Amino acid sequence: MENYTAEEYALCSRFKNKRTKKRLVKEDFEKQLIQLRKLEVELWKKRQNLPLVPLAMPYQKGWERSFVLREDIVRSNDASFYSTLLEKINTWQHSSEKSFKKKKKRKRKHVYVEKLQTVKEFSESEWRSPKLALTEKEKKHFYKRERWCPNCKRYKIHYVFNEPWRYVFRIKPYLITHTKMVDEDLESEIQVLDNYITNLNLRYKINKLVDGFSYRWSYYQKENPREISPIKNKSLHVLYQQYIDEMI
């Protein structure tokens, strides 16, 4: 010991030096953050898997639009074929208005136009997939069409049904008959964990550690409760009045 310094002795022995201790503390903290994410995901899955509970009084929430067979097609010999095909390509839309119109700006004016709705179209990858539920006879009623994709900046191939006139719209009230079960204990655990992560400002660190990046979503851009100023967005008159009230 007389011929060695303290740092040299620490390197030769099993004692941990200052740098190693600091690294171990950081690794332990990161492991705790990973466990927090796992616990959070587990609680979310439990809430997602809660069963539906029937409502005592169902209520209407807008309107639902879908396709049905035309009356003359129902009476034809091919009714069963087109009915089976409709189950595979039917689409549904919901709207608060029975007219199913949306506001659109044209020539500096807002006008209402009807929402576009068609039967399901298949992309090229879906068409070649072995999971496609269409039979060979049903595939003969589709044709290949190229359409410009503004997101991909190129033409993409779609397979479109060539006899859409066989189906017509059916509009009916959209009724809410069930609701998600609420577990108060589970919601309390989720809220406690979320408060802990938010108050200590750990959301960015957890996302960076687990996912490798952290998006600046609006959900995560909430101010830290510990950093919110009590005089934010208050005029001088209001602050002065509060000061007078406290002095009295």
C-alpha atoms as a PDB file:
ATOM      1  CA  MET A   1       0.000   0.000   0.000  1.00  0.00           C
ATOM      2  CA  GLU A   2       2.976   2.283   0.629  1.00  0.00           C
ATOM      3  CA  ASN A   3       4.120   2.093  -3.007  1.00  0.00           C
ATOM      4  CA  TYR A   4       0.638   2.576  -4.585  1.00  0.00           C
ATOM      5  CA  THR A   5      -1.741   5.492  -4.711  1.00  0.00           C
ATOM      6  CA  ALA A   6      -5.398   5.133  -3.731  1.00  0.00           C
ATOM      7  CA  GLU A   7      -6.569   5.037  -7.368  1.00  0.00           C
ATOM      8  CA  GLU A   8      -3.980   2.434  -8.351  1.00  0.00           C
ATOM      9  CA  TYR A   9      -4.923   0.294  -5.377  1.00  0.00           C
ATOM     10  CA  ALA A  10      -8.610   0.553  -6.324  1.00  0.00           C
ATOM     11  CA  LEU A  11      -7.823  -0.598  -9.864  1.00  0.00           C
ATOM     12  CA  CYS A  12      -5.882  -3.616  -8.628  1.00  0.00           C
ATOM     13  CA  SER A  13      -8.468  -4.573  -6.011  1.00  0.00           C
ATOM     14  CA  ARG A  14     -12.162  -5.366  -6.207  1.00  0.00           C
ATOM     15  CA  PHE A  15     -13.188  -1.967  -4.915  1.00  0.00           C
ATOM     16  CA  LYS A  16     -15.250   0.058  -7.371  1.00  0.00           C
ATOM     17  CA  ASN A  17     -13.834   3.383  -8.385  1.00  0.00           C
ATOM     18  CA  LYS A  18     -15.881   6.569  -8.673  1.00  0.00           C
ATOM     19  CA  ARG A  19     -16.540   6.195 -12.391  1.00  0.00           C
ATOM     20  CA  THR A  20     -17.777   2.600 -12.038  1.00  0.00           C
ATOM     21  CA  LYS A  21     -20.121   3.533  -9.207  1.00  0.00           C
ATOM     22  CA  LYS A  22     -21.585   6.368 -11.266  1.00  0.00           C
ATOM     23  CA  ARG A  23     -22.127   4.056 -14.239  1.00  0.00           C
ATOM     24  CA  LEU A  24     -23.808   1.395 -12.078  1.00  0.00           C
ATOM     25  CA  VAL A  25     -26.163   3.980 -10.588  1.00  0.00           C
ATOM     26  CA  LYS A  26     -27.123   5.133 -14.075  1.00  0.00           C
ATOM     27  CA  GLU A  27     -27.698   1.564 -15.298  1.00  0.00           C
ATOM     28  CA  ASP A  28     -29.852   0.792 -12.278  1.00  0.00           C
ATOM     29  CA  PHE A  29     -31.933   3.920 -12.906  1.00  0.00           C
ATOM     30  CA  GLU A  30     -32.402   2.949 -16.562  1.00  0.00           C
ATOM     31  CA  LYS A  31     -33.532  -0.543 -15.533  1.00  0.00           C
ATOM     32  CA  GLN A  32     -36.124   1.029 -13.256  1.00  0.00           C
ATOM     33  CA  LEU A  33     -37.412   3.137 -16.163  1.00  0.00           C
ATOM     34  CA  ILE A  34     -37.735   0.021 -18.335  1.00  0.00           C
ATOM     35  CA  GLN A  35     -39.728  -1.678 -15.588  1.00  0.00           C
ATOM     36  CA  LEU A  36     -41.988   1.381 -15.405  1.00  0.00           C
ATOM     37  CA  ARG A  37     -42.717   1.083 -19.130  1.00  0.00           C
ATOM     38  CA  LYS A  38     -43.464  -2.644 -18.792  1.00  0.00           C
ATOM     39  CA  LEU A  39     -45.804  -1.980 -15.880  1.00  0.00           C
ATOM     40  CA  GLU A  40     -47.536   0.803 -17.806  1.00  0.00           C
ATOM     41  CA  VAL A  41     -48.065  -1.394 -20.878  1.00  0.00           C
ATOM     42  CA  GLU A  42     -49.368  -4.217 -18.687  1.00  0.00           C
ATOM     43  CA  LEU A  43     -51.923  -1.900 -17.066  1.00  0.00           C
ATOM     44  CA  TRP A  44     -53.003  -0.567 -20.470  1.00  0.00           C
ATOM     45  CA  LYS A  45     -53.564  -4.112 -21.735  1.00  0.00           C
ATOM     46  CA  LYS A  46     -55.640  -4.957 -18.678  1.00  0.00           C
ATOM     47  CA  ARG A  47     -57.832  -1.918 -19.319  1.00  0.00           C
ATOM     48  CA  GLN A  48     -58.111  -2.793 -23.003  1.00  0.00           C
ATOM     49  CA  ASN A  49     -59.187  -6.375 -22.236  1.00  0.00           C
ATOM     50  CA  LEU A  50     -62.008  -5.339 -19.933  1.00  0.00           C
ATOM     51  CA  PRO A  51     -65.351  -6.735 -21.179  1.00  0.00           C
ATOM     52  CA  LEU A  52     -68.248  -4.723 -22.552  1.00  0.00           C
ATOM     53  CA  VAL A  53     -71.233  -4.035 -20.337  1.00  0.00           C
ATOM     54  CA  PRO A  54     -74.742  -3.603 -21.823  1.00  0.00           C
ATOM     55  CA  LEU A  55     -76.330  -0.222 -21.204  1.00  0.00           C
ATOM     56  CA  ALA A  56     -79.610   0.023 -19.345  1.00  0.00           C
ATOM     57  CA  MET A  57     -80.818   2.620 -21.863  1.00  0.00           C
ATOM     58  CA  PRO A  58     -79.138   2.482 -25.314  1.00  0.00           C
ATOM     59  CA  TYR A  59     -78.778   5.827 -27.077  1.00  0.00           C
ATOM     60  CA  GLN A  60     -78.274   6.995 -30.636  1.00  0.00           C
ATOM     61  CA  LYS A  61     -74.962   8.504 -31.703  1.00  0.00           C
ATOM     62  CA  GLY A  62     -75.380   9.755 -35.255  1.00  0.00           C
ATOM     63  CA  TRP A  63     -76.045   7.616 -38.303  1.00  0.00           C
ATOM     64  CA  GLU A  64     -74.428   4.626 -39.980  1.00  0.00           C
ATOM     65  CA  ARG A  65     -74.219   4.050 -43.736  1.00  0.00           C
ATOM     66  CA  SER A  66     -73.354   0.784 -45.460  1.00  0.00           C
ATOM     67  CA  PHE A  67     -74.147  -1.168 -48.619  1.00  0.00           C
ATOM     68  CA  VAL A  68     -76.970  -3.648 -49.227  1.00  0.00           C
ATOM     69  CA  LEU A  69     -78.177  -5.553 -52.276  1.00  0.00           C
ATOM     70  CA  ARG A  70     -80.598  -3.858 -54.619  1.00  0.00           C
ATOM     71  CA  GLU A  71     -84.139  -5.184 -54.525  1.00  0.00           C
ATOM     72  CA  ASP A  72     -84.009  -6.584 -58.066  1.00  0.00           C
ATOM     73  CA  ILE A  73     -80.675  -8.325 -57.305  1.00  0.00           C
ATOM     74  CA  VAL A  74     -82.198  -9.900 -54.189  1.00  0.00           C
ATOM     75  CA  ARG A  75     -84.869 -11.536 -56.355  1.00  0.00           C
ATOM     76  CA  SER A  76     -82.361 -12.759 -58.963  1.00  0.00           C
ATOM     77  CA  ASN A  77     -80.618 -16.143 -59.132  1.00  0.00           C
ATOM     78  CA  ASP A  78     -77.222 -14.630 -58.204  1.00  0.00           C
ATOM     79  CA  ALA A  79     -78.453 -13.130 -54.937  1.00  0.00           C
ATOM     80  CA  SER A  80     -76.529 -15.565 -52.715  1.00  0.00           C
ATOM     81  CA  PHE A  81     -73.265 -14.997 -54.629  1.00  0.00           C
ATOM     82  CA  TYR A  82     -73.386 -11.198 -54.424  1.00  0.00           C
ATOM     83  CA  SER A  83     -74.562 -11.317 -50.823  1.00  0.00           C
ATOM     84  CA  THR A  84     -71.540 -13.432 -49.857  1.00  0.00           C
ATOM     85  CA  LEU A  85     -69.243 -11.104 -51.790  1.00  0.00           C
ATOM     86  CA  LEU A  86     -70.738  -8.075 -50.057  1.00  0.00           C
ATOM     87  CA  GLU A  87     -69.790  -9.493 -46.658  1.00  0.00           C
ATOM     88  CA  LYS A  88     -66.137  -9.347 -47.771  1.00  0.00           C
ATOM     89  CA  ILE A  89     -66.104  -5.911 -49.421  1.00  0.00           C
ATOM     90  CA  ASN A  90     -68.709  -3.946 -47.468  1.00  0.00           C
ATOM     91  CA  THR A  91     -67.692  -0.652 -45.833  1.00  0.00           C
ATOM     92  CA  TRP A  92     -69.273   1.460 -43.102  1.00  0.00           C
ATOM     93  CA  GLN A  93     -69.318   5.180 -42.436  1.00  0.00           C
ATOM     94  CA  HIS A  94     -70.612   7.162 -39.474  1.00  0.00           C
ATOM     95  CA  SER A  95     -71.821  10.740 -39.414  1.00  0.00           C
ATOM     96  CA  SER A  96     -73.670  13.083 -37.100  1.00  0.00           C
ATOM     97  CA  GLU A  97     -75.845  14.197 -40.042  1.00  0.00           C
ATOM     98  CA  LYS A  98     -78.200  11.889 -41.885  1.00  0.00           C
ATOM     99  CA  SER A  99     -77.283  13.555 -45.182  1.00  0.00           C
ATOM    100  CA  PHE A 100     -73.632  12.401 -44.805  1.00  0.00           C
ATOM    101  CA  LYS A 101     -72.268  15.688 -46.094  1.00  0.00           C
ATOM    102  CA  LYS A 102     -69.039  17.414 -45.157  1.00  0.00           C
ATOM    103  CA  LYS A 103     -67.945  21.021 -45.386  1.00  0.00           C
ATOM    104  CA  LYS A 104     -65.528  21.863 -48.181  1.00  0.00           C
ATOM    105  CA  LYS A 105     -64.049  25.137 -49.361  1.00  0.00           C
ATOM    106  CA  ARG A 106     -64.586  26.027 -53.005  1.00  0.00           C
ATOM    107  CA  LYS A 107     -63.764  29.406 -54.509  1.00  0.00           C
ATOM    108  CA  ARG A 108     -63.405  30.984 -51.060  1.00  0.00           C
ATOM    109  CA  LYS A 109     -66.817  29.684 -50.031  1.00  0.00           C
ATOM    110  CA  HIS A 110     -67.775  26.820 -47.759  1.00  0.00           C
ATOM    111  CA  VAL A 111     -70.136  24.341 -49.386  1.00  0.00           C
ATOM    112  CA  TYR A 112     -71.446  20.968 -48.283  1.00  0.00           C
ATOM    113  CA  VAL A 113     -70.610  17.968 -50.454  1.00  0.00           C
ATOM    114  CA  GLU A 114     -71.559  14.339 -49.961  1.00  0.00           C
ATOM    115  CA  LYS A 115     -68.948  12.047 -48.457  1.00  0.00           C
ATOM    116  CA  LEU A 116     -67.442   9.561 -50.876  1.00  0.00           C
ATOM    117  CA  GLN A 117     -67.980   5.913 -50.001  1.00  0.00           C
ATOM    118  CA  THR A 118     -67.250   2.870 -52.139  1.00  0.00           C
ATOM    119  CA  VAL A 119     -66.971  -0.843 -51.578  1.00  0.00           C
ATOM    120  CA  LYS A 120     -63.592  -2.111 -50.477  1.00  0.00           C
ATOM    121  CA  GLU A 121     -60.683  -1.907 -52.901  1.00  0.00           C
ATOM    122  CA  PHE A 122     -57.619  -4.120 -52.650  1.00  0.00           C
ATOM    123  CA  SER A 123     -54.030  -3.004 -53.004  1.00  0.00           C
ATOM    124  CA  GLU A 124     -51.522  -5.015 -54.998  1.00  0.00           C
ATOM    125  CA  SER A 125     -50.012  -6.599 -51.883  1.00  0.00           C
ATOM    126  CA  GLU A 126     -53.449  -7.540 -50.516  1.00  0.00           C
ATOM    127  CA  TRP A 127     -54.438  -9.026 -53.872  1.00  0.00           C
ATOM    128  CA  ARG A 128     -51.382 -11.295 -53.936  1.00  0.00           C
ATOM    129  CA  SER A 129     -51.606 -12.238 -50.275  1.00  0.00           C
ATOM    130  CA  PRO A 130     -52.638 -15.845 -49.499  1.00  0.00           C
ATOM    131  CA  LYS A 131     -54.866 -14.453 -46.737  1.00  0.00           C
ATOM    132  CA  LEU A 132     -57.199 -12.901 -49.316  1.00  0.00           C
ATOM    133  CA  ALA A 133     -60.681 -14.320 -48.711  1.00  0.00           C
ATOM    134  CA  LEU A 134     -61.883 -13.954 -52.313  1.00  0.00           C
ATOM    135  CA  THR A 135     -62.454 -17.007 -54.480  1.00  0.00           C
ATOM    136  CA  GLU A 136     -61.379 -17.262 -58.122  1.00  0.00           C
ATOM    137  CA  LYS A 137     -64.932 -16.619 -59.278  1.00  0.00           C
ATOM    138  CA  GLU A 138     -65.161 -13.508 -57.104  1.00  0.00           C
ATOM    139  CA  LYS A 139     -61.802 -12.218 -58.374  1.00  0.00           C
ATOM    140  CA  LYS A 140     -63.177 -12.121 -61.918  1.00  0.00           C
ATOM    141  CA  HIS A 141     -65.474  -9.260 -60.868  1.00  0.00           C
ATOM    142  CA  PHE A 142     -62.515  -6.946 -60.155  1.00  0.00           C
ATOM    143  CA  TYR A 143     -60.385  -4.987 -62.584  1.00  0.00           C
ATOM    144  CA  LYS A 144     -56.910  -3.509 -62.279  1.00  0.00           C
ATOM    145  CA  ARG A 145     -56.621   0.264 -61.954  1.00  0.00           C
ATOM    146  CA  GLU A 146     -53.680   2.628 -61.508  1.00  0.00           C
ATOM    147  CA  ARG A 147     -54.173   5.653 -59.296  1.00  0.00           C
ATOM    148  CA  TRP A 148     -51.839   8.490 -58.372  1.00  0.00           C
ATOM    149  CA  CYS A 149     -50.838   8.459 -54.705  1.00  0.00           C
ATOM    150  CA  PRO A 150     -49.990  11.990 -53.481  1.00  0.00           C
ATOM    151  CA  ASN A 151     -48.236  10.642 -50.381  1.00  0.00           C
ATOM    152  CA  CYS A 152     -45.933   8.220 -52.211  1.00  0.00           C
ATOM    153  CA  LYS A 153     -45.585  10.513 -55.266  1.00  0.00           C
ATOM    154  CA  ARG A 154     -46.166   7.642 -57.675  1.00  0.00           C
ATOM    155  CA  TYR A 155     -48.890   5.543 -59.274  1.00  0.00           C
ATOM    156  CA  LYS A 156     -50.204   2.623 -57.238  1.00  0.00           C
ATOM    157  CA  ILE A 157     -52.226  -0.357 -58.423  1.00  0.00           C
ATOM    158  CA  HIS A 158     -55.662  -1.114 -56.975  1.00  0.00           C
ATOM    159  CA  TYR A 159     -58.206  -3.808 -57.752  1.00  0.00           C
ATOM    160  CA  VAL A 160     -61.696  -2.317 -57.970  1.00  0.00           C
ATOM    161  CA  PHE A 161     -65.091  -4.007 -58.081  1.00  0.00           C
ATOM    162  CA  ASN A 162     -66.540  -3.609 -61.589  1.00  0.00           C
ATOM    163  CA  GLU A 163     -70.255  -3.843 -60.720  1.00  0.00           C
ATOM    164  CA  PRO A 164     -70.910  -1.367 -57.893  1.00  0.00           C
ATOM    165  CA  TRP A 165     -74.414  -0.673 -59.238  1.00  0.00           C
ATOM    166  CA  ARG A 166     -75.579  -3.956 -57.695  1.00  0.00           C
ATOM    167  CA  TYR A 167     -75.390  -2.375 -54.231  1.00  0.00           C
ATOM    168  CA  VAL A 168     -77.150   0.648 -52.774  1.00  0.00           C
ATOM    169  CA  PHE A 169     -76.741   2.669 -49.597  1.00  0.00           C
ATOM    170  CA  ARG A 170     -78.614   1.874 -46.414  1.00  0.00           C
ATOM    171  CA  ILE A 171     -78.712   4.510 -43.675  1.00  0.00           C
ATOM    172  CA  LYS A 172     -79.799   3.561 -40.183  1.00  0.00           C
ATOM    173  CA  PRO A 173     -79.393   5.019 -36.678  1.00  0.00           C
ATOM    174  CA  TYR A 174     -76.093   4.181 -35.021  1.00  0.00           C
ATOM    175  CA  LEU A 175     -77.044   2.888 -31.573  1.00  0.00           C
ATOM    176  CA  ILE A 176     -74.671   2.554 -28.633  1.00  0.00           C
ATOM    177  CA  THR A 177     -75.796  -0.530 -26.718  1.00  0.00           C
ATOM    178  CA  HIS A 178     -72.629  -1.422 -24.756  1.00  0.00           C
ATOM    179  CA  THR A 179     -69.918   0.432 -22.912  1.00  0.00           C
ATOM    180  CA  LYS A 180     -66.495  -0.503 -21.605  1.00  0.00           C
ATOM    181  CA  MET A 181     -66.353  -1.750 -18.045  1.00  0.00           C
ATOM    182  CA  VAL A 182     -64.567   0.658 -15.685  1.00  0.00           C
ATOM    183  CA  ASP A 183     -62.287  -0.805 -13.025  1.00  0.00           C
ATOM    184  CA  GLU A 184     -61.725   1.896 -10.412  1.00  0.00           C
ATOM    185  CA  ASP A 185     -58.710   0.179  -8.853  1.00  0.00           C
ATOM    186  CA  LEU A 186     -57.073  -0.261 -12.251  1.00  0.00           C
ATOM    187  CA  GLU A 187     -57.755   3.354 -13.232  1.00  0.00           C
ATOM    188  CA  SER A 188     -56.260   4.483  -9.925  1.00  0.00           C
ATOM    189  CA  GLU A 189     -53.062   2.500 -10.565  1.00  0.00           C
ATOM    190  CA  ILE A 190     -52.755   3.942 -14.070  1.00  0.00           C
ATOM    191  CA  GLN A 191     -53.276   7.481 -12.799  1.00  0.00           C
ATOM    192  CA  VAL A 192     -50.747   7.093  -9.973  1.00  0.00           C
ATOM    193  CA  LEU A 193     -48.129   5.782 -12.391  1.00  0.00           C
ATOM    194  CA  ASP A 194     -48.854   8.530 -14.928  1.00  0.00           C
ATOM    195  CA  ASN A 195     -48.602  11.212 -12.230  1.00  0.00           C
ATOM    196  CA  TYR A 196     -45.261   9.813 -11.099  1.00  0.00           C
ATOM    197  CA  ILE A 197     -43.853   9.861 -14.640  1.00  0.00           C
ATOM    198  CA  THR A 198     -45.242  13.337 -15.364  1.00  0.00           C
ATOM    199  CA  ASN A 199     -44.150  14.977 -12.115  1.00  0.00           C
ATOM    200  CA  LEU A 200     -40.588  13.699 -12.447  1.00  0.00           C
ATOM    201  CA  ASN A 201     -40.551  14.464 -16.190  1.00  0.00           C
ATOM    202  CA  LEU A 202     -39.542  10.895 -17.104  1.00  0.00           C
ATOM    203  CA  ARG A 203     -41.639  10.435 -20.259  1.00  0.00           C
ATOM    204  CA  TYR A 204     -38.942  11.627 -22.651  1.00  0.00           C
ATOM    205  CA  LYS A 205     -36.261   9.508 -20.954  1.00  0.00           C
ATOM    206  CA  ILE A 206     -38.415   6.371 -21.045  1.00  0.00           C
ATOM    207  CA  ASN A 207     -39.261   6.791 -24.739  1.00  0.00           C
ATOM    208  CA  LYS A 208     -35.649   7.540 -25.592  1.00  0.00           C
ATOM    209  CA  LEU A 209     -34.439   4.504 -23.666  1.00  0.00           C
ATOM    210  CA  VAL A 210     -37.042   1.948 -24.799  1.00  0.00           C
ATOM    211  CA  ASP A 211     -37.874   3.103 -28.339  1.00  0.00           C
ATOM    212  CA  GLY A 212     -34.611   4.849 -29.193  1.00  0.00           C
ATOM    213  CA  PHE A 213     -36.439   8.121 -29.920  1.00  0.00           C
ATOM    214  CA  SER A 214     -39.155  10.288 -28.452  1.00  0.00           C
ATOM    215  CA  TYR A 215     -41.754  12.100 -30.511  1.00  0.00           C
ATOM    216  CA  ARG A 216     -42.815  15.527 -29.349  1.00  0.00           C
ATOM    217  CA  TRP A 217     -46.494  14.640 -29.397  1.00  0.00           C
ATOM    218  CA  SER A 218     -48.960  17.090 -27.924  1.00  0.00           C
ATOM    219  CA  TYR A 219     -49.804  14.421 -25.334  1.00  0.00           C
ATOM    220  CA  TYR A 220     -46.263  14.613 -23.990  1.00  0.00           C
ATOM    221  CA  GLN A 221     -45.919  18.384 -24.311  1.00  0.00           C
ATOM    222  CA  LYS A 222     -47.868  19.096 -21.155  1.00  0.00           C
ATOM    223  CA  GLU A 223     -46.091  21.339 -18.736  1.00  0.00           C
ATOM    224  CA  ASN A 224     -44.490  19.836 -15.703  1.00  0.00           C
ATOM    225  CA  PRO A 225     -46.777  20.648 -12.738  1.00  0.00           C
ATOM    226  CA  ARG A 226     -43.725  21.595 -10.703  1.00  0.00           C
ATOM    227  CA  GLU A 227     -42.674  24.145 -13.325  1.00  0.00           C
ATOM    228  CA  ILE A 228     -46.037  25.860 -13.877  1.00  0.00           C
ATOM    229  CA  SER A 229     -45.832  29.477 -12.773  1.00  0.00           C
ATOM    230  CA  PRO A 230     -48.702  30.585 -10.496  1.00  0.00           C
ATOM    231  CA  ILE A 231     -48.734  34.045 -12.122  1.00  0.00           C
ATOM    232  CA  LYS A 232     -48.798  32.820 -15.716  1.00  0.00           C
ATOM    233  CA  ASN A 233     -51.382  34.540 -17.978  1.00  0.00           C
ATOM    234  CA  LYS A 234     -52.521  36.846 -15.180  1.00  0.00           C
ATOM    235  CA  SER A 235     -52.673  40.608 -15.584  1.00  0.00           C
ATOM    236  CA  LEU A 236     -50.986  43.026 -13.203  1.00  0.00           C
ATOM    237  CA  HIS A 237     -54.368  44.235 -12.005  1.00  0.00           C
ATOM    238  CA  VAL A 238     -55.399  40.711 -10.960  1.00  0.00           C
ATOM    239  CA  LEU A 239     -52.055  40.093  -9.251  1.00  0.00           C
ATOM    240  CA  TYR A 240     -52.277  43.386  -7.383  1.00  0.00           C
ATOM    241  CA  GLN A 241     -55.820  42.586  -6.262  1.00  0.00           C
ATOM    242  CA  GLN A 242     -54.676  39.187  -4.970  1.00  0.00           C
ATOM    243  CA  TYR A 243     -51.853  40.892  -3.091  1.00  0.00           C
ATOM    244  CA  ILE A 244     -54.292  43.341  -1.461  1.00  0.00           C
ATOM    245  CA  ASP A 245     -56.608  40.479  -0.462  1.00  0.00           C
ATOM    246  CA  GLU A 246     -53.743  38.577   1.151  1.00  0.00           C
ATOM    247  CA  MET A 247     -52.603  41.644   3.075  1.00  0.00           C
ATOM    248  CA  ILE A 248     -56.100  42.178   4.444  1.00  0.00           C
END
